[in-house]
Amino acid sequence: MTYAANVDGNQGEIVRVLRLAGYTVQVLNQVKDGCPDLLVGAYGRNILLEVKNPEQDPCKRVLNDAEAKWHRTWRGQVAVVETPEEAIKVVRAVLERGRSACS
């Protein structure tokens, strides 16, 4: 299987929008073993995002077995997103939770 075969078609646009918003983004597709697709850096926080393509059949947008296991056993933050807007919303929500925890 090639690297490109593992990338959802909407991932590039999500990465582009996150970077335009001022966040750093590391693509993690090659890590495998169910690891989420993107690591987003924002104001000292790290946010993990699993990208699913909303243009696919809903049955194909579910986490595969490796992803489901990874999400179930991970003790940190991780979210599934389908659009750039969802990705921005998740990042902002994680940042907001971090601010309110310190107040």
C-alpha atoms as a PDB file:
ATOM      1  CA  MET A   1       0.000   0.000   0.000  1.00  0.00           C
ATOM      2  CA  THR A   2       1.325   3.429  -0.847  1.00  0.00           C
ATOM      3  CA  TYR A   3       1.450   6.450   1.442  1.00  0.00           C
ATOM      4  CA  ALA A   4      -1.117   8.323  -0.645  1.00  0.00           C
ATOM      5  CA  ALA A   5      -3.611   5.473  -0.300  1.00  0.00           C
ATOM      6  CA  ASN A   6      -3.797   6.165   3.449  1.00  0.00           C
ATOM      7  CA  VAL A   7      -4.625   9.857   3.158  1.00  0.00           C
ATOM      8  CA  ASP A   8      -8.249  10.988   3.090  1.00  0.00           C
ATOM      9  CA  GLY A   9      -8.958  13.355   0.216  1.00  0.00           C
ATOM     10  CA  ASN A  10      -9.940  16.194   2.545  1.00  0.00           C
ATOM     11  CA  GLN A  11      -6.816  16.010   4.717  1.00  0.00           C
ATOM     12  CA  GLY A  12      -4.809  18.494   2.637  1.00  0.00           C
ATOM     13  CA  GLU A  13      -7.497  21.150   2.962  1.00  0.00           C
ATOM     14  CA  ILE A  14      -7.751  20.566   6.712  1.00  0.00           C
ATOM     15  CA  VAL A  15      -3.978  20.934   7.062  1.00  0.00           C
ATOM     16  CA  ARG A  16      -4.004  24.087   4.914  1.00  0.00           C
ATOM     17  CA  VAL A  17      -6.764  25.748   6.955  1.00  0.00           C
ATOM     18  CA  LEU A  18      -5.163  24.846  10.288  1.00  0.00           C
ATOM     19  CA  ARG A  19      -1.841  26.328   9.141  1.00  0.00           C
ATOM     20  CA  LEU A  20      -3.570  29.479   7.857  1.00  0.00           C
ATOM     21  CA  ALA A  21      -5.096  29.820  11.330  1.00  0.00           C
ATOM     22  CA  GLY A  22      -1.562  29.945  12.742  1.00  0.00           C
ATOM     23  CA  TYR A  23      -1.221  26.392  14.043  1.00  0.00           C
ATOM     24  CA  THR A  24       1.606  24.006  13.267  1.00  0.00           C
ATOM     25  CA  VAL A  25       0.644  20.656  11.783  1.00  0.00           C
ATOM     26  CA  GLN A  26       2.604  17.416  11.568  1.00  0.00           C
ATOM     27  CA  VAL A  27       1.117  14.724   9.334  1.00  0.00           C
ATOM     28  CA  LEU A  28       1.356  11.329  11.046  1.00  0.00           C
ATOM     29  CA  ASN A  29      -0.125   8.995   8.406  1.00  0.00           C
ATOM     30  CA  GLN A  30       3.072   6.974   8.083  1.00  0.00           C
ATOM     31  CA  VAL A  31       3.140   6.072  11.790  1.00  0.00           C
ATOM     32  CA  LYS A  32       0.416   3.425  11.287  1.00  0.00           C
ATOM     33  CA  ASP A  33      -0.872   1.168  14.117  1.00  0.00           C
ATOM     34  CA  GLY A  34      -4.026   3.287  14.425  1.00  0.00           C
ATOM     35  CA  CYS A  35      -2.203   6.526  15.245  1.00  0.00           C
ATOM     36  CA  PRO A  36      -4.275   9.614  14.343  1.00  0.00           C
ATOM     37  CA  ASP A  37      -3.542  11.455  11.106  1.00  0.00           C
ATOM     38  CA  LEU A  38      -2.538  14.890  12.403  1.00  0.00           C
ATOM     39  CA  LEU A  39      -0.662  16.404  15.321  1.00  0.00           C
ATOM     40  CA  VAL A  40      -1.594  20.072  15.728  1.00  0.00           C
ATOM     41  CA  GLY A  41       0.459  22.485  17.814  1.00  0.00           C
ATOM     42  CA  ALA A  42      -1.375  25.486  19.232  1.00  0.00           C
ATOM     43  CA  TYR A  43      -0.210  27.824  21.998  1.00  0.00           C
ATOM     44  CA  GLY A  44       1.858  25.185  23.760  1.00  0.00           C
ATOM     45  CA  ARG A  45      -0.777  22.458  23.402  1.00  0.00           C
ATOM     46  CA  ASN A  46      -0.703  19.330  21.235  1.00  0.00           C
ATOM     47  CA  ILE A  47      -3.941  18.172  19.662  1.00  0.00           C
ATOM     48  CA  LEU A  48      -4.428  14.870  17.836  1.00  0.00           C
ATOM     49  CA  LEU A  49      -6.906  14.659  14.976  1.00  0.00           C
ATOM     50  CA  GLU A  50      -8.145  11.638  13.051  1.00  0.00           C
ATOM     51  CA  VAL A  51      -9.387  12.717   9.620  1.00  0.00           C
ATOM     52  CA  LYS A  52     -12.377  11.048   7.982  1.00  0.00           C
ATOM     53  CA  ASN A  53     -13.760  12.053   4.601  1.00  0.00           C
ATOM     54  CA  PRO A  54     -17.412  13.227   4.670  1.00  0.00           C
ATOM     55  CA  GLU A  55     -17.738  12.330   0.974  1.00  0.00           C
ATOM     56  CA  GLN A  56     -17.310   8.643   1.762  1.00  0.00           C
ATOM     57  CA  ASP A  57     -20.161   6.326   2.642  1.00  0.00           C
ATOM     58  CA  PRO A  58     -20.857   6.651   6.402  1.00  0.00           C
ATOM     59  CA  CYS A  59     -19.928   2.980   6.884  1.00  0.00           C
ATOM     60  CA  LYS A  60     -16.439   3.735   5.549  1.00  0.00           C
ATOM     61  CA  ARG A  61     -15.973   6.730   7.881  1.00  0.00           C
ATOM     62  CA  VAL A  62     -15.865   4.660  11.056  1.00  0.00           C
ATOM     63  CA  LEU A  63     -12.588   3.983  12.818  1.00  0.00           C
ATOM     64  CA  ASN A  64     -10.900   0.830  11.588  1.00  0.00           C
ATOM     65  CA  ASP A  65      -9.896  -1.790  14.171  1.00  0.00           C
ATOM     66  CA  ALA A  66      -6.403  -0.359  14.735  1.00  0.00           C
ATOM     67  CA  GLU A  67      -7.740   3.198  15.050  1.00  0.00           C
ATOM     68  CA  ALA A  68     -10.506   2.138  17.429  1.00  0.00           C
ATOM     69  CA  LYS A  69      -7.987   0.342  19.648  1.00  0.00           C
ATOM     70  CA  TRP A  70      -5.635   3.336  19.592  1.00  0.00           C
ATOM     71  CA  HIS A  71      -8.443   5.760  20.523  1.00  0.00           C
ATOM     72  CA  ARG A  72      -9.714   3.431  23.256  1.00  0.00           C
ATOM     73  CA  THR A  73      -6.314   3.024  24.917  1.00  0.00           C
ATOM     74  CA  TRP A  74      -4.932   6.562  24.465  1.00  0.00           C
ATOM     75  CA  ARG A  75      -4.934   8.502  27.737  1.00  0.00           C
ATOM     76  CA  GLY A  76      -4.770  11.898  26.135  1.00  0.00           C
ATOM     77  CA  GLN A  77      -6.849  14.067  23.834  1.00  0.00           C
ATOM     78  CA  VAL A  78      -7.869  12.823  20.366  1.00  0.00           C
ATOM     79  CA  ALA A  79     -10.776  13.796  18.115  1.00  0.00           C
ATOM     80  CA  VAL A  80     -12.253  12.710  14.783  1.00  0.00           C
ATOM     81  CA  VAL A  81     -12.913  15.470  12.248  1.00  0.00           C
ATOM     82  CA  GLU A  82     -14.323  15.548   8.741  1.00  0.00           C
ATOM     83  CA  THR A  83     -14.020  19.206   7.719  1.00  0.00           C
ATOM     84  CA  PRO A  84     -11.642  22.123   8.197  1.00  0.00           C
ATOM     85  CA  GLU A  85     -14.353  23.847  10.241  1.00  0.00           C
ATOM     86  CA  GLU A  86     -14.603  20.872  12.601  1.00  0.00           C
ATOM     87  CA  ALA A  87     -10.816  20.798  12.963  1.00  0.00           C
ATOM     88  CA  ILE A  88     -10.685  24.492  13.906  1.00  0.00           C
ATOM     89  CA  LYS A  89     -13.607  23.992  16.328  1.00  0.00           C
ATOM     90  CA  VAL A  90     -11.822  21.082  18.055  1.00  0.00           C
ATOM     91  CA  VAL A  91      -8.555  23.014  18.383  1.00  0.00           C
ATOM     92  CA  ARG A  92     -10.347  26.031  19.823  1.00  0.00           C
ATOM     93  CA  ALA A  93     -12.328  23.844  22.256  1.00  0.00           C
ATOM     94  CA  VAL A  94      -9.146  22.156  23.504  1.00  0.00           C
ATOM     95  CA  LEU A  95      -7.487  25.536  23.951  1.00  0.00           C
ATOM     96  CA  GLU A  96     -10.521  26.912  25.781  1.00  0.00           C
ATOM     97  CA  ARG A  97     -10.601  23.931  28.170  1.00  0.00           C
ATOM     98  CA  GLY A  98      -6.934  24.579  28.908  1.00  0.00           C
ATOM     99  CA  ARG A  99      -7.598  28.230  29.747  1.00  0.00           C
ATOM    100  CA  SER A 100     -10.580  27.534  31.973  1.00  0.00           C
ATOM    101  CA  ALA A 101      -8.630  24.874  33.886  1.00  0.00           C
ATOM    102  CA  CYS A 102      -6.046  27.499  34.843  1.00  0.00           C
ATOM    103  CA  SER A 103      -8.486  30.179  36.002  1.00  0.00           C
END
